[in-house]
Amino acid sequence: MKIKKSLKTKIKSFLEMFAETTQDLSKKLGFFNLSMLKN
C-alpha cells in the first residue's frame, strides 16, 4: 500500500514537471516562431 502511494506521488510530480517543461518549450517555440515571422 505504501509503495503504491509513493508511486502515485512520483507519477504526479513527474507529470507536473513534464507540464512545466512543455509550457516552457511552447513559450520558447512561440517566441521562435514570432522571430521567424518578423524576418
Protein backbone atom coordinates (compact mmCIF):
# COMPACT_ATOMS: atom_id res chain seq x y z
CA MET A 1 0.00 0.00 0.00
CA LYS A 2 2.80 2.39 0.92
CA ILE A 3 4.62 1.57 -2.31
CA LYS A 4 1.52 2.35 -4.37
CA LYS A 5 1.13 5.74 -2.69
CA SER A 6 4.76 6.73 -3.26
CA LEU A 7 4.47 5.62 -6.88
CA LYS A 8 1.40 7.81 -7.34
CA THR A 9 3.28 10.74 -5.79
CA LYS A 10 6.24 10.14 -8.09
CA ILE A 11 4.00 9.98 -11.15
CA LYS A 12 2.17 13.15 -10.07
CA SER A 13 5.39 15.10 -9.53
CA PHE A 14 6.74 13.75 -12.83
CA LEU A 15 3.60 14.89 -14.67
CA GLU A 16 3.80 18.32 -13.04
CA MET A 17 7.45 18.64 -14.05
CA PHE A 18 6.57 17.45 -17.56
CA ALA A 19 3.76 20.00 -17.82
CA GLU A 20 6.09 22.81 -16.73
CA THR A 21 8.72 21.72 -19.25
CA THR A 22 6.12 21.55 -22.02
CA GLN A 23 4.85 25.02 -21.12
CA ASP A 24 8.41 26.36 -21.15
CA LEU A 25 9.10 24.70 -24.50
CA SER A 26 5.92 26.04 -26.08
CA LYS A 27 6.82 29.55 -24.88
CA LYS A 28 10.27 29.24 -26.45
CA LEU A 29 8.79 27.80 -29.64
CA GLY A 30 6.20 30.57 -29.78
CA PHE A 31 8.93 33.17 -29.39
CA PHE A 32 10.99 31.38 -32.04
CA ASN A 33 8.02 31.34 -34.44
CA LEU A 34 7.38 35.05 -33.85
CA SER A 35 11.01 35.94 -34.56
CA MET A 36 10.91 33.79 -37.71
CA LEU A 37 7.76 35.59 -38.91
CA LYS A 38 9.36 39.01 -38.37
CA ASN A 39 12.34 38.17 -40.58
